Amino acid sequence: MNSRAALYAQAIRGPILLMAVGILFAMQQGGVLPFSRTWPLLIIIIGLVKLIERMFIRPAAPLAPPAPPMPPAGGNWQ
């Protein structure tokens, strides 16, 4: 996937969570379900959004191993 899709997936995280919280509080105010029974849905929604973000983000290239340390340069120290 491209970086534009990854940025889009990250940009919609906040609005999705805000809408979910609003819907859950509206359900509480409407007497459908209390918020104390629906808050786990927020954790599920956060997890789904993170999964979507991970699908669109390219895997990073593996890091090269560090170079071996160089021996000290110079002649004899006396």
N, C-alpha and C. Protein backbone atom coordinates (compact mmCIF):
# COMPACT_ATOMS: atom_id res chain seq x y z
N MET A 1 0.83 -1.17 0.00
CA MET A 1 0.00 0.00 0.00
C MET A 1 0.88 1.24 0.00
N ASN A 2 0.27 2.37 -0.27
CA ASN A 2 1.08 3.58 -0.35
C ASN A 2 0.97 4.39 0.94
N SER A 3 1.81 5.40 1.03
CA SER A 3 1.85 6.19 2.25
C SER A 3 0.61 7.07 2.39
N ARG A 4 -0.03 7.41 1.28
CA ARG A 4 -1.25 8.23 1.35
C ARG A 4 -2.35 7.44 2.08
N ALA A 5 -2.47 6.17 1.78
CA ALA A 5 -3.48 5.35 2.46
C ALA A 5 -3.14 5.21 3.94
N ALA A 6 -1.87 5.11 4.27
CA ALA A 6 -1.46 5.01 5.68
C ALA A 6 -1.79 6.30 6.43
N LEU A 7 -1.54 7.44 5.80
CA LEU A 7 -1.86 8.71 6.44
C LEU A 7 -3.37 8.87 6.60
N TYR A 8 -4.12 8.42 5.62
CA TYR A 8 -5.57 8.49 5.71
C TYR A 8 -6.08 7.61 6.85
N ALA A 9 -5.51 6.42 6.97
CA ALA A 9 -5.94 5.51 8.04
C ALA A 9 -5.63 6.11 9.41
N GLN A 10 -4.52 6.82 9.55
CA GLN A 10 -4.19 7.45 10.82
C GLN A 10 -5.05 8.68 11.07
N ALA A 11 -5.45 9.37 9.99
CA ALA A 11 -6.23 10.60 10.14
C ALA A 11 -7.66 10.32 10.58
N ILE A 12 -8.19 9.15 10.28
CA ILE A 12 -9.59 8.88 10.65
C ILE A 12 -9.72 8.29 12.05
N ARG A 13 -8.62 8.04 12.72
CA ARG A 13 -8.68 7.44 14.06
C ARG A 13 -9.47 8.32 15.03
N GLY A 14 -9.15 9.58 15.11
CA GLY A 14 -9.81 10.48 16.05
C GLY A 14 -11.30 10.62 15.79
N PRO A 15 -11.69 10.93 14.54
CA PRO A 15 -13.13 11.06 14.28
C PRO A 15 -13.92 9.78 14.54
N ILE A 16 -13.35 8.63 14.24
CA ILE A 16 -14.05 7.37 14.49
C ILE A 16 -14.27 7.17 15.99
N LEU A 17 -13.23 7.43 16.78
CA LEU A 17 -13.36 7.27 18.23
C LEU A 17 -14.36 8.29 18.80
N LEU A 18 -14.33 9.51 18.30
CA LEU A 18 -15.26 10.53 18.78
C LEU A 18 -16.70 10.15 18.46
N MET A 19 -16.94 9.63 17.26
CA MET A 19 -18.29 9.19 16.90
C MET A 19 -18.72 8.01 17.76
N ALA A 20 -17.81 7.08 18.03
CA ALA A 20 -18.15 5.92 18.85
C ALA A 20 -18.53 6.34 20.27
N VAL A 21 -17.75 7.26 20.85
CA VAL A 21 -18.07 7.73 22.20
C VAL A 21 -19.42 8.45 22.19
N GLY A 22 -19.66 9.25 21.17
CA GLY A 22 -20.94 9.95 21.08
C GLY A 22 -22.12 9.00 20.96
N ILE A 23 -21.97 7.96 20.16
CA ILE A 23 -23.04 6.97 20.01
C ILE A 23 -23.28 6.24 21.32
N LEU A 24 -22.20 5.87 22.02
CA LEU A 24 -22.36 5.15 23.29
C LEU A 24 -23.04 6.03 24.34
N PHE A 25 -22.67 7.31 24.39
CA PHE A 25 -23.33 8.20 25.35
C PHE A 25 -24.78 8.47 24.95
N ALA A 26 -25.06 8.53 23.65
CA ALA A 26 -26.45 8.71 23.21
C ALA A 26 -27.28 7.48 23.59
N MET A 27 -26.68 6.30 23.50
CA MET A 27 -27.40 5.09 23.92
C MET A 27 -27.70 5.12 25.41
N GLN A 28 -26.78 5.68 26.19
CA GLN A 28 -27.02 5.79 27.64
C GLN A 28 -28.14 6.80 27.89
N GLN A 29 -28.09 7.95 27.23
CA GLN A 29 -29.11 8.97 27.45
C GLN A 29 -30.49 8.51 26.98
N GLY A 30 -30.52 7.65 25.94
CA GLY A 30 -31.78 7.14 25.44
C GLY A 30 -32.33 6.00 26.27
N GLY A 31 -31.57 5.53 27.23
CA GLY A 31 -32.03 4.45 28.08
C GLY A 31 -31.88 3.08 27.44
N VAL A 32 -31.12 2.97 26.34
CA VAL A 32 -30.95 1.68 25.68
C VAL A 32 -30.02 0.79 26.49
N LEU A 33 -28.81 1.25 26.71
CA LEU A 33 -27.82 0.52 27.51
C LEU A 33 -27.01 1.54 28.31
N PRO A 34 -26.65 1.21 29.55
CA PRO A 34 -25.78 2.13 30.29
C PRO A 34 -24.35 2.08 29.75
N PHE A 35 -23.65 3.19 29.91
CA PHE A 35 -22.28 3.28 29.40
C PHE A 35 -21.39 2.25 30.08
N SER A 36 -21.70 1.89 31.31
CA SER A 36 -20.87 0.92 32.02
C SER A 36 -20.90 -0.45 31.36
N ARG A 37 -21.90 -0.72 30.51
CA ARG A 37 -21.96 -2.00 29.81
C ARG A 37 -21.43 -1.90 28.38
N THR A 38 -21.27 -0.69 27.86
CA THR A 38 -20.87 -0.54 26.45
C THR A 38 -19.44 -0.07 26.27
N TRP A 39 -18.75 0.34 27.34
CA TRP A 39 -17.40 0.87 27.17
C TRP A 39 -16.42 -0.14 26.56
N PRO A 40 -16.59 -1.46 26.74
CA PRO A 40 -15.65 -2.37 26.08
C PRO A 40 -15.67 -2.25 24.55
N LEU A 41 -16.77 -1.73 24.00
CA LEU A 41 -16.80 -1.50 22.55
C LEU A 41 -15.73 -0.50 22.12
N LEU A 42 -15.40 0.45 22.99
CA LEU A 42 -14.33 1.40 22.66
C LEU A 42 -13.00 0.68 22.48
N ILE A 43 -12.71 -0.28 23.33
CA ILE A 43 -11.47 -1.04 23.21
C ILE A 43 -11.46 -1.83 21.91
N ILE A 44 -12.59 -2.41 21.56
CA ILE A 44 -12.69 -3.17 20.31
C ILE A 44 -12.50 -2.24 19.11
N ILE A 45 -13.11 -1.07 19.14
CA ILE A 45 -12.99 -0.11 18.03
C ILE A 45 -11.55 0.37 17.90
N ILE A 46 -10.90 0.66 19.02
CA ILE A 46 -9.49 1.07 18.97
C ILE A 46 -8.64 -0.03 18.36
N GLY A 47 -8.88 -1.26 18.74
CA GLY A 47 -8.12 -2.38 18.17
C GLY A 47 -8.35 -2.53 16.68
N LEU A 48 -9.60 -2.38 16.24
CA LEU A 48 -9.88 -2.49 14.80
C LEU A 48 -9.22 -1.37 14.01
N VAL A 49 -9.24 -0.16 14.56
CA VAL A 49 -8.60 0.96 13.86
C VAL A 49 -7.09 0.73 13.77
N LYS A 50 -6.49 0.22 14.85
CA LYS A 50 -5.05 -0.07 14.81
C LYS A 50 -4.74 -1.16 13.79
N LEU A 51 -5.60 -2.17 13.68
CA LEU A 51 -5.39 -3.20 12.66
C LEU A 51 -5.45 -2.62 11.26
N ILE A 52 -6.41 -1.74 11.03
CA ILE A 52 -6.53 -1.10 9.71
C ILE A 52 -5.29 -0.28 9.42
N GLU A 53 -4.80 0.47 10.42
CA GLU A 53 -3.59 1.26 10.22
C GLU A 53 -2.41 0.36 9.87
N ARG A 54 -2.27 -0.75 10.56
CA ARG A 54 -1.14 -1.66 10.31
C ARG A 54 -1.22 -2.29 8.94
N MET A 55 -2.44 -2.49 8.42
CA MET A 55 -2.58 -3.07 7.08
C MET A 55 -2.04 -2.12 6.02
N PHE A 56 -2.19 -0.81 6.24
CA PHE A 56 -1.81 0.16 5.23
C PHE A 56 -0.37 0.64 5.36
N ILE A 57 0.25 0.46 6.51
CA ILE A 57 1.62 0.92 6.70
C ILE A 57 2.57 -0.12 6.15
N ARG A 58 3.50 0.33 5.34
CA ARG A 58 4.50 -0.58 4.77
C ARG A 58 5.45 -1.07 5.86
N PRO A 59 5.86 -2.33 5.77
CA PRO A 59 6.83 -2.79 6.77
C PRO A 59 8.18 -2.10 6.53
N ALA A 60 8.82 -1.76 7.59
CA ALA A 60 10.12 -1.09 7.50
C ALA A 60 11.17 -2.06 6.99
N ALA A 61 12.12 -1.52 6.27
CA ALA A 61 13.23 -2.35 5.78
C ALA A 61 14.03 -2.84 6.98
N PRO A 62 14.51 -4.07 6.94
CA PRO A 62 15.30 -4.55 8.07
C PRO A 62 16.58 -3.74 8.22
N LEU A 63 16.95 -3.52 9.45
CA LEU A 63 18.16 -2.74 9.73
C LEU A 63 19.40 -3.59 9.47
N ALA A 64 20.42 -2.94 8.93
CA ALA A 64 21.68 -3.63 8.70
C ALA A 64 22.38 -3.83 10.04
N PRO A 65 23.09 -4.92 10.20
CA PRO A 65 23.80 -5.12 11.46
C PRO A 65 24.90 -4.06 11.62
N PRO A 66 25.20 -3.68 12.84
CA PRO A 66 26.22 -2.65 13.05
C PRO A 66 27.59 -3.15 12.61
N ALA A 67 28.40 -2.22 12.17
CA ALA A 67 29.76 -2.55 11.73
C ALA A 67 30.59 -2.98 12.95
N PRO A 68 31.52 -3.90 12.76
CA PRO A 68 32.36 -4.30 13.90
C PRO A 68 33.24 -3.13 14.34
N PRO A 69 33.58 -3.08 15.62
CA PRO A 69 34.39 -1.95 16.10
C PRO A 69 35.77 -1.97 15.47
N MET A 70 36.26 -0.79 15.20
CA MET A 70 37.58 -0.64 14.58
C MET A 70 38.64 -0.70 15.69
N PRO A 71 39.76 -1.33 15.39
CA PRO A 71 40.86 -1.33 16.39
C PRO A 71 41.44 0.10 16.47
N PRO A 72 42.04 0.42 17.58
CA PRO A 72 42.61 1.76 17.71
C PRO A 72 43.71 1.99 16.67
N ALA A 73 43.70 3.16 16.11
CA ALA A 73 44.71 3.49 15.11
C ALA A 73 45.93 4.11 15.81
N GLY A 74 47.06 4.04 15.16
CA GLY A 74 48.26 4.68 15.72
C GLY A 74 49.35 3.66 15.99
N GLY A 75 50.46 4.15 16.43
CA GLY A 75 51.63 3.30 16.69
C GLY A 75 51.70 2.87 18.13
N ASN A 76 52.90 2.58 18.56
CA ASN A 76 53.12 2.13 19.92
C ASN A 76 53.09 3.32 20.87
N TRP A 77 52.41 3.15 21.95
CA TRP A 77 52.36 4.20 22.98
C TRP A 77 53.25 3.75 24.13
N GLN A 78 54.16 4.55 24.41
CA GLN A 78 55.06 4.20 25.52
C GLN A 78 55.24 5.34 26.45
